């Protein structure tokens, strides 16, 4: 089996918009599938488990939307390319940089 070479990122370019949207849609659909399973489980279960599943099914849409909408700003921290100076040195007016 031929092993693919490792690819390194040399820039802070984010993923494409269509790729980001498809990932967000996938996360949302997985969350809604879990919500459906909670509803079905709430119908079939008894006692405290029933209520826990129903409460989960009611609360899950809020978290699903928050997670799905947290798409593009998540990848900005690692490798953002922002320059952070090491010292607090500042040039005074008329001061030479030597």
PDB file of N, CA and C in Angstrom:
ATOM      1  N   UNK A   1       0.838  -1.179   0.000  1.00  0.00           N
ATOM      2  CA  UNK A   1       0.000   0.000   0.000  1.00  0.00           C
ATOM      3  C   UNK A   1       0.887   1.246   0.000  1.00  0.00           C
ATOM      4  N   UNK A   2       0.583   2.169  -0.893  1.00  0.00           N
ATOM      5  CA  UNK A   2       1.357   3.395  -1.017  1.00  0.00           C
ATOM      6  C   UNK A   2       0.932   4.388   0.063  1.00  0.00           C
ATOM      7  N   UNK A   3       1.927   4.895   0.804  1.00  0.00           N
ATOM      8  CA  UNK A   3       1.642   5.840   1.881  1.00  0.00           C
ATOM      9  C   UNK A   3       1.690   7.257   1.332  1.00  0.00           C
ATOM     10  N   UNK A   4       0.637   8.027   1.626  1.00  0.00           N
ATOM     11  CA  UNK A   4       0.562   9.412   1.175  1.00  0.00           C
ATOM     12  C   UNK A   4       1.544  10.268   1.977  1.00  0.00           C
ATOM     13  N   UNK A   5       2.218  11.213   1.328  1.00  0.00           N
ATOM     14  CA  UNK A   5       3.125  12.086   2.085  1.00  0.00           C
ATOM     15  C   UNK A   5       2.320  13.037   2.977  1.00  0.00           C
ATOM     16  N   UNK A   6       2.920  13.405   4.110  1.00  0.00           N
ATOM     17  CA  UNK A   6       2.272  14.336   5.031  1.00  0.00           C
ATOM     18  C   UNK A   6       2.286  15.733   4.433  1.00  0.00           C
ATOM     19  N   UNK A   7       1.164  16.417   4.527  1.00  0.00           N
ATOM     20  CA  UNK A   7       1.033  17.753   3.963  1.00  0.00           C
ATOM     21  C   UNK A   7       1.068  18.767   5.097  1.00  0.00           C
ATOM     22  N   UNK A   8       1.914  19.778   4.947  1.00  0.00           N
ATOM     23  CA  UNK A   8       2.056  20.814   5.965  1.00  0.00           C
ATOM     24  C   UNK A   8       1.427  22.101   5.464  1.00  0.00           C
ATOM     25  N   UNK A   9       0.773  22.818   6.369  1.00  0.00           N
ATOM     26  CA  UNK A   9       0.187  24.103   6.031  1.00  0.00           C
ATOM     27  C   UNK A   9       1.239  25.185   6.243  1.00  0.00           C
ATOM     28  N   UNK A  10       1.433  26.019   5.240  1.00  0.00           N
ATOM     29  CA  UNK A  10       2.426  27.087   5.361  1.00  0.00           C
ATOM     30  C   UNK A  10       1.779  28.461   5.428  1.00  0.00           C
ATOM     31  N   UNK A  11       0.455  28.487   5.539  1.00  0.00           N
ATOM     32  CA  UNK A  11      -0.229  29.769   5.626  1.00  0.00           C
ATOM     33  C   UNK A  11      -1.375  29.660   6.619  1.00  0.00           C
ATOM     34  N   UNK A  12      -1.970  30.771   6.920  1.00  0.00           N
ATOM     35  CA  UNK A  12      -3.101  30.823   7.834  1.00  0.00           C
ATOM     36  C   UNK A  12      -4.434  30.781   7.114  1.00  0.00           C
ATOM     37  N   UNK A  13      -4.464  30.246   5.893  1.00  0.00           N
ATOM     38  CA  UNK A  13      -5.686  30.205   5.107  1.00  0.00           C
ATOM     39  C   UNK A  13      -6.673  29.238   5.740  1.00  0.00           C
ATOM     40  N   UNK A  14      -7.914  29.700   5.889  1.00  0.00           N
ATOM     41  CA  UNK A  14      -8.950  28.859   6.462  1.00  0.00           C
ATOM     42  C   UNK A  14      -9.520  27.930   5.394  1.00  0.00           C
ATOM     43  N   UNK A  15     -10.349  26.995   5.827  1.00  0.00           N
ATOM     44  CA  UNK A  15     -10.998  26.101   4.881  1.00  0.00           C
ATOM     45  C   UNK A  15     -11.988  26.882   4.038  1.00  0.00           C
ATOM     46  N   UNK A  16     -12.345  26.340   2.893  1.00  0.00           N
ATOM     47  CA  UNK A  16     -13.284  26.996   2.002  1.00  0.00           C
ATOM     48  C   UNK A  16     -14.674  27.083   2.607  1.00  0.00           C
ATOM     49  N   UNK A  17     -15.454  28.034   2.127  1.00  0.00           N
ATOM     50  CA  UNK A  17     -16.787  28.260   2.662  1.00  0.00           C
ATOM     51  C   UNK A  17     -17.692  27.053   2.456  1.00  0.00           C
ATOM     52  N   UNK A  18     -17.646  26.437   1.280  1.00  0.00           N
ATOM     53  CA  UNK A  18     -18.516  25.280   1.026  1.00  0.00           C
ATOM     54  C   UNK A  18     -18.127  24.101   1.916  1.00  0.00           C
ATOM     55  N   UNK A  19     -16.843  23.909   2.145  1.00  0.00           N
ATOM     56  CA  UNK A  19     -16.388  22.833   3.027  1.00  0.00           C
ATOM     57  C   UNK A  19     -16.803  23.123   4.477  1.00  0.00           C
ATOM     58  N   UNK A  20     -16.724  24.373   4.889  1.00  0.00           N
ATOM     59  CA  UNK A  20     -17.127  24.762   6.234  1.00  0.00           C
ATOM     60  C   UNK A  20     -18.629  24.564   6.426  1.00  0.00           C
ATOM     61  N   UNK A  21     -19.421  24.969   5.445  1.00  0.00           N
ATOM     62  CA  UNK A  21     -20.870  24.816   5.539  1.00  0.00           C
ATOM     63  C   UNK A  21     -21.282  23.349   5.587  1.00  0.00           C
ATOM     64  N   UNK A  22     -20.633  22.505   4.797  1.00  0.00           N
ATOM     65  CA  UNK A  22     -20.990  21.087   4.819  1.00  0.00           C
ATOM     66  C   UNK A  22     -20.643  20.460   6.173  1.00  0.00           C
ATOM     67  N   UNK A  23     -19.555  20.873   6.792  1.00  0.00           N
ATOM     68  CA  UNK A  23     -19.200  20.379   8.115  1.00  0.00           C
ATOM     69  C   UNK A  23     -20.198  20.830   9.170  1.00  0.00           C
ATOM     70  N   UNK A  24     -20.636  22.085   9.064  1.00  0.00           N
ATOM     71  CA  UNK A  24     -21.621  22.598  10.009  1.00  0.00           C
ATOM     72  C   UNK A  24     -22.959  21.887   9.838  1.00  0.00           C
ATOM     73  N   UNK A  25     -23.355  21.631   8.596  1.00  0.00           N
ATOM     74  CA  UNK A  25     -24.602  20.910   8.352  1.00  0.00           C
ATOM     75  C   UNK A  25     -24.529  19.489   8.899  1.00  0.00           C
ATOM     76  N   UNK A  26     -23.388  18.858   8.723  1.00  0.00           N
ATOM     77  CA  UNK A  26     -23.207  17.494   9.228  1.00  0.00           C
ATOM     78  C   UNK A  26     -23.328  17.461  10.754  1.00  0.00           C
ATOM     79  N   UNK A  27     -22.684  18.418  11.450  1.00  0.00           N
ATOM     80  CA  UNK A  27     -22.790  18.474  12.912  1.00  0.00           C
ATOM     81  C   UNK A  27     -24.227  18.707  13.357  1.00  0.00           C
ATOM     82  N   UNK A  28     -24.952  19.589  12.652  1.00  0.00           N
ATOM     83  CA  UNK A  28     -26.336  19.873  13.010  1.00  0.00           C
ATOM     84  C   UNK A  28     -27.214  18.645  12.790  1.00  0.00           C
ATOM     85  N   UNK A  29     -27.043  17.940  11.667  1.00  0.00           N
ATOM     86  CA  UNK A  29     -27.851  16.753  11.397  1.00  0.00           C
ATOM     87  C   UNK A  29     -27.569  15.639  12.400  1.00  0.00           C
ATOM     88  N   UNK A  30     -26.331  15.493  12.816  1.00  0.00           N
ATOM     89  CA  UNK A  30     -26.006  14.501  13.851  1.00  0.00           C
ATOM     90  C   UNK A  30     -26.706  14.861  15.153  1.00  0.00           C
ATOM     91  N   UNK A  31     -26.697  16.140  15.512  1.00  0.00           N
ATOM     92  CA  UNK A  31     -27.372  16.579  16.741  1.00  0.00           C
ATOM     93  C   UNK A  31     -28.877  16.344  16.653  1.00  0.00           C
ATOM     94  N   UNK A  32     -29.467  16.609  15.500  1.00  0.00           N
ATOM     95  CA  UNK A  32     -30.906  16.398  15.360  1.00  0.00           C
ATOM     96  C   UNK A  32     -31.250  14.903  15.331  1.00  0.00           C
ATOM     97  N   UNK A  33     -30.343  14.082  14.827  1.00  0.00           N
ATOM     98  CA  UNK A  33     -30.538  12.631  14.914  1.00  0.00           C
ATOM     99  C   UNK A  33     -30.512  12.157  16.358  1.00  0.00           C
ATOM    100  N   UNK A  34     -29.615  12.724  17.140  1.00  0.00           N
ATOM    101  CA  UNK A  34     -29.553  12.400  18.563  1.00  0.00           C
ATOM    102  C   UNK A  34     -30.821  12.868  19.275  1.00  0.00           C
ATOM    103  N   UNK A  35     -31.347  14.020  18.866  1.00  0.00           N
ATOM    104  CA  UNK A  35     -32.595  14.525  19.455  1.00  0.00           C
ATOM    105  C   UNK A  35     -33.750  13.573  19.149  1.00  0.00           C
ATOM    106  N   UNK A  36     -33.820  13.105  17.925  1.00  0.00           N
ATOM    107  CA  UNK A  36     -34.872  12.158  17.553  1.00  0.00           C
ATOM    108  C   UNK A  36     -34.761  10.881  18.377  1.00  0.00           C
ATOM    109  N   UNK A  37     -33.539  10.403  18.559  1.00  0.00           N
ATOM    110  CA  UNK A  37     -33.329   9.204  19.379  1.00  0.00           C
ATOM    111  C   UNK A  37     -33.766   9.450  20.823  1.00  0.00           C
ATOM    112  N   UNK A  38     -33.534  10.663  21.341  1.00  0.00           N
ATOM    113  CA  UNK A  38     -33.979  10.992  22.699  1.00  0.00           C
ATOM    114  C   UNK A  38     -35.501  10.986  22.791  1.00  0.00           C
ATOM    115  N   UNK A  39     -36.186  11.526  21.773  1.00  0.00           N
ATOM    116  CA  UNK A  39     -37.644  11.508  21.784  1.00  0.00           C
ATOM    117  C   UNK A  39     -38.179  10.082  21.757  1.00  0.00           C
ATOM    118  N   UNK A  40     -37.646   9.263  20.865  1.00  0.00           N
ATOM    119  CA  UNK A  40     -38.096   7.871  20.769  1.00  0.00           C
ATOM    120  C   UNK A  40     -37.792   7.143  22.077  1.00  0.00           C
ATOM    121  N   UNK A  41     -36.610   7.346  22.619  1.00  0.00           N
ATOM    122  CA  UNK A  41     -36.256   6.732  23.897  1.00  0.00           C
ATOM    123  C   UNK A  41     -37.145   7.207  25.028  1.00  0.00           C
ATOM    124  N   UNK A  42     -37.536   8.489  24.997  1.00  0.00           N
ATOM    125  CA  UNK A  42     -38.425   9.027  26.013  1.00  0.00           C
ATOM    126  C   UNK A  42     -39.809   8.399  25.955  1.00  0.00           C
ATOM    127  N   UNK A  43     -40.253   8.047  24.771  1.00  0.00           N
ATOM    128  CA  UNK A  43     -41.552   7.381  24.626  1.00  0.00           C
ATOM    129  C   UNK A  43     -41.474   5.946  25.141  1.00  0.00           C
ATOM    130  N   UNK A  44     -40.363   5.271  24.868  1.00  0.00           N
ATOM    131  CA  UNK A  44     -40.237   3.853  25.211  1.00  0.00           C
ATOM    132  C   UNK A  44     -39.773   3.605  26.645  1.00  0.00           C
ATOM    133  N   UNK A  45     -39.104   4.562  27.260  1.00  0.00           N
ATOM    134  CA  UNK A  45     -38.535   4.353  28.594  1.00  0.00           C
ATOM    135  C   UNK A  45     -39.556   4.663  29.684  1.00  0.00           C
ATOM    136  N   UNK A  46     -39.207   4.294  30.902  1.00  0.00           N
ATOM    137  CA  UNK A  46     -40.049   4.566  32.066  1.00  0.00           C
ATOM    138  C   UNK A  46     -39.234   5.281  33.141  1.00  0.00           C
ATOM    139  N   UNK A  47     -39.946   5.946  34.045  1.00  0.00           N
ATOM    140  CA  UNK A  47     -39.312   6.529  35.220  1.00  0.00           C
ATOM    141  C   UNK A  47     -38.461   7.742  34.924  1.00  0.00           C
ATOM    142  N   UNK A  48     -37.368   7.854  35.677  1.00  0.00           N
ATOM    143  CA  UNK A  48     -36.473   9.016  35.581  1.00  0.00           C
ATOM    144  C   UNK A  48     -35.755   9.075  34.231  1.00  0.00           C
ATOM    145  N   UNK A  49     -35.482   7.924  33.636  1.00  0.00           N
ATOM    146  CA  UNK A  49     -34.823   7.906  32.325  1.00  0.00           C
ATOM    147  C   UNK A  49     -35.707   8.568  31.274  1.00  0.00           C
ATOM    148  N   UNK A  50     -37.017   8.337  31.350  1.00  0.00           N
ATOM    149  CA  UNK A  50     -37.945   8.960  30.404  1.00  0.00           C
ATOM    150  C   UNK A  50     -37.824  10.477  30.470  1.00  0.00           C
ATOM    151  N   UNK A  51     -37.861  11.027  31.679  1.00  0.00           N
ATOM    152  CA  UNK A  51     -37.812  12.477  31.824  1.00  0.00           C
ATOM    153  C   UNK A  51     -36.458  13.051  31.432  1.00  0.00           C
ATOM    154  N   UNK A  52     -35.404  12.324  31.706  1.00  0.00           N
ATOM    155  CA  UNK A  52     -34.070  12.788  31.299  1.00  0.00           C
ATOM    156  C   UNK A  52     -33.965  12.845  29.773  1.00  0.00           C
ATOM    157  N   UNK A  53     -34.516  11.845  29.105  1.00  0.00           N
ATOM    158  CA  UNK A  53     -34.486  11.828  27.639  1.00  0.00           C
ATOM    159  C   UNK A  53     -35.354  12.924  27.044  1.00  0.00           C
ATOM    160  N   UNK A  54     -36.514  13.174  27.631  1.00  0.00           N
ATOM    161  CA  UNK A  54     -37.396  14.224  27.121  1.00  0.00           C
ATOM    162  C   UNK A  54     -36.769  15.603  27.330  1.00  0.00           C
ATOM    163  N   UNK A  55     -36.193  15.833  28.507  1.00  0.00           N
ATOM    164  CA  UNK A  55     -35.520  17.116  28.758  1.00  0.00           C
ATOM    165  C   UNK A  55     -34.350  17.292  27.788  1.00  0.00           C
ATOM    166  N   UNK A  56     -33.609  16.227  27.523  1.00  0.00           N
ATOM    167  CA  UNK A  56     -32.502  16.292  26.563  1.00  0.00           C
ATOM    168  C   UNK A  56     -33.010  16.624  25.168  1.00  0.00           C
ATOM    169  N   UNK A  57     -34.118  16.024  24.781  1.00  0.00           N
ATOM    170  CA  UNK A  57     -34.681  16.278  23.453  1.00  0.00           C
ATOM    171  C   UNK A  57     -35.171  17.711  23.316  1.00  0.00           C
ATOM    172  N   UNK A  58     -35.658  18.293  24.406  1.00  0.00           N
ATOM    173  CA  UNK A  58     -36.135  19.675  24.354  1.00  0.00           C
ATOM    174  C   UNK A  58     -34.959  20.656  24.350  1.00  0.00           C
ATOM    175  N   UNK A  59     -33.905  20.372  25.099  1.00  0.00           N
ATOM    176  CA  UNK A  59     -32.764  21.292  25.222  1.00  0.00           C
ATOM    177  C   UNK A  59     -31.761  21.162  24.072  1.00  0.00           C
ATOM    178  N   UNK A  60     -31.725  20.028  23.425  1.00  0.00           N
ATOM    179  CA  UNK A  60     -30.700  19.775  22.409  1.00  0.00           C
ATOM    180  C   UNK A  60     -30.731  20.729  21.215  1.00  0.00           C
ATOM    181  N   UNK A  61     -31.885  21.184  20.716  1.00  0.00           N
ATOM    182  CA  UNK A  61     -31.852  22.113  19.569  1.00  0.00           C
ATOM    183  C   UNK A  61     -31.062  23.388  19.831  1.00  0.00           C
ATOM    184  N   UNK A  62     -31.142  23.929  21.040  1.00  0.00           N
ATOM    185  CA  UNK A  62     -30.372  25.132  21.353  1.00  0.00           C
ATOM    186  C   UNK A  62     -28.877  24.863  21.201  1.00  0.00           C
ATOM    187  N   UNK A  63     -28.407  23.776  21.793  1.00  0.00           N
ATOM    188  CA  UNK A  63     -26.987  23.458  21.722  1.00  0.00           C
ATOM    189  C   UNK A  63     -26.566  23.076  20.306  1.00  0.00           C
ATOM    190  N   UNK A  64     -27.462  22.444  19.558  1.00  0.00           N
ATOM    191  CA  UNK A  64     -27.149  22.078  18.174  1.00  0.00           C
ATOM    192  C   UNK A  64     -26.931  23.318  17.318  1.00  0.00           C
ATOM    193  N   UNK A  65     -27.760  24.331  17.504  1.00  0.00           N
ATOM    194  CA  UNK A  65     -27.616  25.569  16.744  1.00  0.00           C
ATOM    195  C   UNK A  65     -26.342  26.302  17.144  1.00  0.00           C
ATOM    196  N   UNK A  66     -26.059  26.360  18.441  1.00  0.00           N
ATOM    197  CA  UNK A  66     -24.847  27.032  18.911  1.00  0.00           C
ATOM    198  C   UNK A  66     -23.606  26.335  18.355  1.00  0.00           C
ATOM    199  N   UNK A  67     -23.589  25.014  18.391  1.00  0.00           N
ATOM    200  CA  UNK A  67     -22.439  24.265  17.881  1.00  0.00           C
ATOM    201  C   UNK A  67     -22.315  24.420  16.368  1.00  0.00           C
ATOM    202  N   UNK A  68     -23.440  24.366  15.661  1.00  0.00           N
ATOM    203  CA  UNK A  68     -23.395  24.497  14.201  1.00  0.00           C
ATOM    204  C   UNK A  68     -22.961  25.891  13.771  1.00  0.00           C
ATOM    205  N   UNK A  69     -23.338  26.918  14.516  1.00  0.00           N
ATOM    206  CA  UNK A  69     -22.978  28.288  14.141  1.00  0.00           C
ATOM    207  C   UNK A  69     -21.589  28.687  14.597  1.00  0.00           C
ATOM    208  N   UNK A  70     -20.931  27.851  15.363  1.00  0.00           N
ATOM    209  CA  UNK A  70     -19.577  28.153  15.827  1.00  0.00           C
ATOM    210  C   UNK A  70     -18.556  27.675  14.806  1.00  0.00           C
ATOM    211  N   UNK A  71     -18.847  27.814  13.546  1.00  0.00           N
ATOM    212  CA  UNK A  71     -18.012  27.254  12.492  1.00  0.00           C
ATOM    213  C   UNK A  71     -16.750  28.006  12.181  1.00  0.00           C
ATOM    214  N   UNK A  72     -16.837  29.152  11.549  1.00  0.00           N
ATOM    215  CA  UNK A  72     -15.664  29.803  10.975  1.00  0.00           C
ATOM    216  C   UNK A  72     -14.743  30.407  12.012  1.00  0.00           C
ATOM    217  N   UNK A  73     -15.239  30.868  13.131  1.00  0.00           N
ATOM    218  CA  UNK A  73     -14.344  31.502  14.096  1.00  0.00           C
ATOM    219  C   UNK A  73     -13.552  30.504  14.905  1.00  0.00           C
ATOM    220  N   UNK A  74     -13.881  29.212  14.816  1.00  0.00           N
ATOM    221  CA  UNK A  74     -13.158  28.230  15.606  1.00  0.00           C
ATOM    222  C   UNK A  74     -11.715  28.049  15.134  1.00  0.00           C
ATOM    223  N   UNK A  75     -11.451  28.058  13.833  1.00  0.00           N
ATOM    224  CA  UNK A  75     -10.123  27.771  13.321  1.00  0.00           C
ATOM    225  C   UNK A  75      -9.174  28.953  13.317  1.00  0.00           C
ATOM    226  N   UNK A  76      -9.596  30.110  13.775  1.00  0.00           N
ATOM    227  CA  UNK A  76      -8.782  31.305  13.646  1.00  0.00           C
ATOM    228  C   UNK A  76      -7.638  31.426  14.624  1.00  0.00           C
ATOM    229  N   UNK A  77      -7.637  30.683  15.718  1.00  0.00           N
ATOM    230  CA  UNK A  77      -6.604  30.885  16.733  1.00  0.00           C
ATOM    231  C   UNK A  77      -5.293  30.230  16.368  1.00  0.00           C
ATOM    232  N   UNK A  78      -5.305  29.025  15.920  1.00  0.00           N
ATOM    233  CA  UNK A  78      -4.061  28.323  15.606  1.00  0.00           C
ATOM    234  C   UNK A  78      -3.537  28.810  14.266  1.00  0.00           C
ATOM    235  N   UNK A  79      -2.356  29.345  14.267  1.00  0.00           N
ATOM    236  CA  UNK A  79      -1.740  29.773  13.021  1.00  0.00           C
ATOM    237  C   UNK A  79      -2.406  30.984  12.402  1.00  0.00           C
ATOM    238  N   UNK A  80      -2.911  31.876  13.204  1.00  0.00           N
ATOM    239  CA  UNK A  80      -3.613  33.026  12.650  1.00  0.00           C
ATOM    240  C   UNK A  80      -2.652  34.008  11.988  1.00  0.00           C
ATOM    241  N   UNK A  81      -1.380  33.900  12.297  1.00  0.00           N
ATOM    242  CA  UNK A  81      -0.402  34.747  11.655  1.00  0.00           C
ATOM    243  C   UNK A  81      -0.313  36.150  12.228  1.00  0.00           C
ATOM    244  N   UNK A  82      -0.996  36.414  13.311  1.00  0.00           N
ATOM    245  CA  UNK A  82      -0.920  37.728  13.929  1.00  0.00           C
ATOM    246  C   UNK A  82       0.447  37.916  14.560  1.00  0.00           C
ATOM    247  N   UNK A  83       1.059  39.078  14.327  1.00  0.00           N
ATOM    248  CA  UNK A  83       2.363  39.373  14.882  1.00  0.00           C
ATOM    249  C   UNK A  83       2.196  39.872  16.302  1.00  0.00           C
ATOM    250  N   UNK A  84       2.893  39.246  17.224  1.00  0.00           N
ATOM    251  CA  UNK A  84       2.882  39.674  18.620  1.00  0.00           C
ATOM    252  C   UNK A  84       4.308  40.046  18.994  1.00  0.00           C
ATOM    253  N   UNK A  85       4.586  41.333  19.269  1.00  0.00           N
ATOM    254  CA  UNK A  85       5.948  41.734  19.608  1.00  0.00           C
ATOM    255  C   UNK A  85       6.371  41.146  20.949  1.00  0.00           C
ATOM    256  N   UNK A  86       7.664  40.861  21.070  1.00  0.00           N
ATOM    257  CA  UNK A  86       8.177  40.247  22.284  1.00  0.00           C
ATOM    258  C   UNK A  86       8.404  41.246  23.406  1.00  0.00           C
ATOM    259  N   UNK A  87       8.802  42.454  23.067  1.00  0.00           N
ATOM    260  CA  UNK A  87       9.099  43.437  24.107  1.00  0.00           C
ATOM    261  C   UNK A  87       8.122  44.597  24.062  1.00  0.00           C
ATOM    262  N   UNK A  88       8.269  45.494  25.017  1.00  0.00           N
ATOM    263  CA  UNK A  88       7.410  46.666  25.070  1.00  0.00           C
ATOM    264  C   UNK A  88       8.152  47.911  24.600  1.00  0.00           C
ATOM    265  N   UNK A  89       9.202  47.711  23.815  1.00  0.00           N
ATOM    266  CA  UNK A  89       9.993  48.839  23.358  1.00  0.00           C
ATOM    267  C   UNK A  89       9.192  49.671  22.361  1.00  0.00           C
ATOM    268  N   UNK A  90       9.207  50.945  22.544  1.00  0.00           N
ATOM    269  CA  UNK A  90       8.547  51.860  21.619  1.00  0.00           C
ATOM    270  C   UNK A  90       9.512  52.996  21.329  1.00  0.00           C
ATOM    271  N   UNK A  91       9.484  53.473  20.116  1.00  0.00           N
ATOM    272  CA  UNK A  91      10.345  54.587  19.742  1.00  0.00           C
ATOM    273  C   UNK A  91       9.675  55.891  20.153  1.00  0.00           C
ATOM    274  N   UNK A  92      10.450  56.732  20.793  1.00  0.00           N
ATOM    275  CA  UNK A  92       9.979  58.064  21.140  1.00  0.00           C
ATOM    276  C   UNK A  92      10.072  58.933  19.890  1.00  0.00           C
ATOM    277  N   UNK A  93       9.363  60.012  19.858  1.00  0.00           N
ATOM    278  CA  UNK A  93       9.425  60.923  18.717  1.00  0.00           C
ATOM    279  C   UNK A  93      10.846  61.458  18.576  1.00  0.00           C
ATOM    280  N   UNK A  94      11.430  61.345  17.396  1.00  0.00           N
ATOM    281  CA  UNK A  94      12.765  61.833  17.134  1.00  0.00           C
ATOM    282  C   UNK A  94      13.869  60.869  17.549  1.00  0.00           C
ATOM    283  N   UNK A  95      13.557  59.689  18.070  1.00  0.00           N
ATOM    284  CA  UNK A  95      14.563  58.729  18.508  1.00  0.00           C
ATOM    285  C   UNK A  95      14.981  57.861  17.325  1.00  0.00           C
ATOM    286  N   UNK A  96      16.282  57.623  17.185  1.00  0.00           N
ATOM    287  CA  UNK A  96      16.797  56.786  16.095  1.00  0.00           C
ATOM    288  C   UNK A  96      16.621  55.314  16.440  1.00  0.00           C
ATOM    289  N   UNK A  97      16.409  54.542  15.401  1.00  0.00           N
ATOM    290  CA  UNK A  97      16.284  53.078  15.587  1.00  0.00           C
ATOM    291  C   UNK A  97      17.639  52.475  15.247  1.00  0.00           C
ATOM    292  N   UNK A  98      18.479  52.247  16.256  1.00  0.00           N
ATOM    293  CA  UNK A  98      19.792  51.678  15.982  1.00  0.00           C
ATOM    294  C   UNK A  98      20.093  50.523  16.875  1.00  0.00           C
TER     295      UNK A  98
END
